[in-house]
C-alpha atoms as a PDB file:
ATOM      1  CA  VAL A   1      -0.117   0.113  -0.049  1.00  0.00           C
ATOM      2  CA  GLN A   2       1.306   3.421  -0.850  1.00  0.00           C
ATOM      3  CA  LEU A   3      -0.054   6.489   0.716  1.00  0.00           C
ATOM      4  CA  GLN A   4      -0.006  10.069  -0.639  1.00  0.00           C
ATOM      5  CA  ALA A   5      -0.997  12.965   1.630  1.00  0.00           C
ATOM      6  CA  SER A   6      -1.778  16.385   0.276  1.00  0.00           C
ATOM      7  CA  GLY A   7      -3.800  19.430   1.196  1.00  0.00           C
ATOM      8  CA  GLY A   8      -1.266  21.200   3.395  1.00  0.00           C
ATOM      9  CA  GLY A   9      -0.437  24.901   3.297  1.00  0.00           C
ATOM     10  CA  LEU A  10      -0.170  28.219   4.892  1.00  0.00           C
ATOM     11  CA  VAL A  11      -3.461  29.319   6.659  1.00  0.00           C
ATOM     12  CA  GLN A  12      -4.193  32.019   9.141  1.00  0.00           C
ATOM     13  CA  ALA A  13      -5.299  31.236  12.877  1.00  0.00           C
ATOM     14  CA  GLY A  14      -8.995  30.483  12.878  1.00  0.00           C
ATOM     15  CA  GLY A  15      -9.010  29.187   9.421  1.00  0.00           C
ATOM     16  CA  SER A  16      -9.570  25.837   7.816  1.00  0.00           C
ATOM     17  CA  LEU A  17      -7.821  23.278   5.775  1.00  0.00           C
ATOM     18  CA  ARG A  18      -8.710  19.782   4.296  1.00  0.00           C
ATOM     19  CA  LEU A  19      -5.951  17.284   3.947  1.00  0.00           C
ATOM     20  CA  SER A  20      -6.461  14.255   1.818  1.00  0.00           C
ATOM     21  CA  CYS A  21      -4.628  10.922   1.729  1.00  0.00           C
ATOM     22  CA  ALA A  22      -4.826   8.796  -1.260  1.00  0.00           C
ATOM     23  CA  ALA A  23      -4.085   5.064  -1.006  1.00  0.00           C
ATOM     24  CA  SER A  24      -2.878   2.901  -3.934  1.00  0.00           C
ATOM     25  CA  GLY A  25      -1.286  -0.500  -4.510  1.00  0.00           C
ATOM     26  CA  ARG A  26      -3.016  -3.684  -3.296  1.00  0.00           C
ATOM     27  CA  THR A  27      -6.729  -3.754  -2.619  1.00  0.00           C
ATOM     28  CA  PHE A  28      -7.072  -1.339   0.182  1.00  0.00           C
ATOM     29  CA  ASN A  29      -8.940  -2.744   3.020  1.00  0.00           C
ATOM     30  CA  SER A  30      -6.961  -1.443   6.038  1.00  0.00           C
ATOM     31  CA  PRO A  31      -9.142  -1.752   9.082  1.00  0.00           C
ATOM     32  CA  VAL A  32      -7.556   1.310  10.736  1.00  0.00           C
ATOM     33  CA  MET A  33      -6.294   4.677   9.288  1.00  0.00           C
ATOM     34  CA  GLY A  34      -4.903   7.506  11.079  1.00  0.00           C
ATOM     35  CA  TRP A  35      -3.159  10.952  11.073  1.00  0.00           C
ATOM     36  CA  PHE A  36      -0.352  11.988  13.009  1.00  0.00           C
ATOM     37  CA  ARG A  37       1.728  15.085  13.067  1.00  0.00           C
ATOM     38  CA  GLN A  38       5.183  16.230  14.131  1.00  0.00           C
ATOM     39  CA  ALA A  39       6.256  19.761  14.707  1.00  0.00           C
ATOM     40  CA  PRO A  40       9.915  20.562  14.732  1.00  0.00           C
ATOM     41  CA  GLY A  41      11.716  19.122  18.024  1.00  0.00           C
ATOM     42  CA  LYS A  42       8.620  17.307  19.071  1.00  0.00           C
ATOM     43  CA  GLU A  43       7.700  13.781  18.915  1.00  0.00           C
ATOM     44  CA  ARG A  44       5.124  12.488  16.497  1.00  0.00           C
ATOM     45  CA  GLU A  45       1.599  13.038  17.866  1.00  0.00           C
ATOM     46  CA  PHE A  46      -1.581  11.210  17.369  1.00  0.00           C
ATOM     47  CA  VAL A  47      -4.212  13.464  15.777  1.00  0.00           C
ATOM     48  CA  ALA A  48      -7.110  11.284  14.753  1.00  0.00           C
ATOM     49  CA  GLY A  49      -7.976   7.604  13.797  1.00  0.00           C
ATOM     50  CA  VAL A  50     -10.839   5.970  12.101  1.00  0.00           C
ATOM     51  CA  THR A  51     -11.841   2.331  11.973  1.00  0.00           C
ATOM     52  CA  TRP A  52     -13.148   0.107   9.157  1.00  0.00           C
ATOM     53  CA  ARG A  53     -15.889   1.940   7.046  1.00  0.00           C
ATOM     54  CA  GLY A  54     -15.597   4.780   9.515  1.00  0.00           C
ATOM     55  CA  SER A  55     -17.597   3.153  12.186  1.00  0.00           C
ATOM     56  CA  THR A  56     -15.692   4.797  14.993  1.00  0.00           C
ATOM     57  CA  ALA A  57     -13.377   7.821  15.224  1.00  0.00           C
ATOM     58  CA  TYR A  58     -10.812   8.802  17.768  1.00  0.00           C
ATOM     59  CA  TYR A  59      -9.160  12.068  18.399  1.00  0.00           C
ATOM     60  CA  GLY A  60      -6.235  13.535  20.161  1.00  0.00           C
ATOM     61  CA  ASP A  61      -7.206  15.943  22.937  1.00  0.00           C
ATOM     62  CA  SER A  62      -5.602  18.911  21.376  1.00  0.00           C
ATOM     63  CA  VAL A  63      -7.784  18.638  18.311  1.00  0.00           C
ATOM     64  CA  GLN A  64     -11.030  17.189  19.708  1.00  0.00           C
ATOM     65  CA  GLY A  65     -13.990  19.357  18.505  1.00  0.00           C
ATOM     66  CA  ARG A  66     -11.899  21.079  15.698  1.00  0.00           C
ATOM     67  CA  PHE A  67     -10.889  18.204  13.365  1.00  0.00           C
ATOM     68  CA  THR A  68     -12.892  15.563  11.747  1.00  0.00           C
ATOM     69  CA  ILE A  69     -11.686  12.405  10.275  1.00  0.00           C
ATOM     70  CA  SER A  70     -13.446  10.590   7.486  1.00  0.00           C
ATOM     71  CA  ARG A  71     -12.737   8.004   4.809  1.00  0.00           C
ATOM     72  CA  ASP A  72     -14.072   6.862   1.633  1.00  0.00           C
ATOM     73  CA  ASP A  73     -13.324   3.294   1.050  1.00  0.00           C
ATOM     74  CA  VAL A  74     -14.609   3.241  -2.466  1.00  0.00           C
ATOM     75  CA  LYS A  75     -12.195   5.938  -3.581  1.00  0.00           C
ATOM     76  CA  ASN A  76      -9.403   4.632  -1.186  1.00  0.00           C
ATOM     77  CA  MET A  77      -9.252   8.017   0.413  1.00  0.00           C
ATOM     78  CA  LEU A  78      -8.747   9.462   4.004  1.00  0.00           C
ATOM     79  CA  TYR A  79      -9.597  12.943   4.901  1.00  0.00           C
ATOM     80  CA  LEU A  80      -8.815  15.227   7.673  1.00  0.00           C
ATOM     81  CA  GLN A  81     -10.961  18.472   8.026  1.00  0.00           C
ATOM     82  CA  MET A  82      -9.243  20.998  10.319  1.00  0.00           C
ATOM     83  CA  ASN A  83     -11.090  24.054  11.539  1.00  0.00           C
ATOM     84  CA  SER A  84     -10.309  26.779  13.991  1.00  0.00           C
ATOM     85  CA  LEU A  85      -6.691  26.101  13.391  1.00  0.00           C
ATOM     86  CA  LYS A  86      -4.253  27.410  15.931  1.00  0.00           C
ATOM     87  CA  PRO A  87      -0.441  28.246  15.433  1.00  0.00           C
ATOM     88  CA  GLU A  88       0.233  25.299  17.794  1.00  0.00           C
ATOM     89  CA  ASP A  89      -1.135  23.117  14.827  1.00  0.00           C
ATOM     90  CA  THR A  90       1.694  23.731  12.796  1.00  0.00           C
ATOM     91  CA  ALA A  91       3.320  20.677  11.775  1.00  0.00           C
ATOM     92  CA  ILE A  92       4.123  17.824   9.112  1.00  0.00           C
ATOM     93  CA  TYR A  93       1.005  15.883   9.110  1.00  0.00           C
ATOM     94  CA  TYR A  94       1.321  12.072   8.040  1.00  0.00           C
ATOM     95  CA  CYS A  95      -1.496   9.806   7.158  1.00  0.00           C
ATOM     96  CA  ALA A  96      -0.905   6.049   8.118  1.00  0.00           C
ATOM     97  CA  ALA A  97      -2.765   2.745   7.483  1.00  0.00           C
ATOM     98  CA  ASP A  98      -3.034  -0.914   8.873  1.00  0.00           C
ATOM     99  CA  SER A  99      -2.997  -0.729  12.598  1.00  0.00           C
ATOM    100  CA  PRO A 100      -4.867  -3.021  15.001  1.00  0.00           C
ATOM    101  CA  ASN A 101      -7.876  -1.162  16.577  1.00  0.00           C
ATOM    102  CA  TRP A 102      -6.235  -1.527  20.036  1.00  0.00           C
ATOM    103  CA  GLY A 103      -3.243   0.600  18.501  1.00  0.00           C
ATOM    104  CA  ILE A 104      -5.123   3.216  16.717  1.00  0.00           C
ATOM    105  CA  MET A 105      -3.416   5.906  18.754  1.00  0.00           C
ATOM    106  CA  GLU A 106       0.045   4.626  18.560  1.00  0.00           C
ATOM    107  CA  SER A 107       2.277   5.453  15.733  1.00  0.00           C
ATOM    108  CA  LYS A 108       4.433   2.271  16.076  1.00  0.00           C
ATOM    109  CA  ARG A 109       1.371   0.218  15.410  1.00  0.00           C
ATOM    110  CA  TYR A 110       0.937   1.409  11.762  1.00  0.00           C
ATOM    111  CA  LYS A 111       2.333  -0.502   8.927  1.00  0.00           C
ATOM    112  CA  TYR A 112       2.069   1.984   6.168  1.00  0.00           C
ATOM    113  CA  TRP A 113       3.019   5.809   6.154  1.00  0.00           C
ATOM    114  CA  GLY A 114       2.655   8.557   3.568  1.00  0.00           C
ATOM    115  CA  GLN A 115       5.421  11.219   3.191  1.00  0.00           C
ATOM    116  CA  GLY A 116       3.673  13.915   4.883  1.00  0.00           C
ATOM    117  CA  THR A 117       2.260  17.364   4.167  1.00  0.00           C
ATOM    118  CA  LEU A 118       3.146  20.664   5.840  1.00  0.00           C
ATOM    119  CA  VAL A 119       0.708  22.696   7.695  1.00  0.00           C
ATOM    120  CA  THR A 120       1.700  26.157   8.723  1.00  0.00           C
ATOM    121  CA  VAL A 121      -0.772  28.159  10.912  1.00  0.00           C
ATOM    122  CA  SER A 122       0.397  31.894  11.299  1.00  0.00           C
ATOM    123  CA  SER A 123      -1.046  34.148  14.148  1.00  0.00           C
END
């Protein structure tokens, strides 16, 4: 499975962005997909994760209520709608796939990773 993240950019605080992640390769049926982010000098942080067919979504505390994760398994796409962006949301955002449900918040549990897309939020 190959993952290609896109949609990052520069946005002012309070603005919105929508990230996309396109999956290709073998038949895509990853039970779990997620978004992580990493800011300079910081560890990779869980942002959001979604189980098979979007049945359950999980969010990191810092983005709860502002970000929404979704997936389209027909189009093999993963999305992250980010609203009310803050400067502290600035980071490289990575999409990931294929983790057991119990590891949805743990980056080390994911088998496949995209290359990352940079989100910069100005104050």
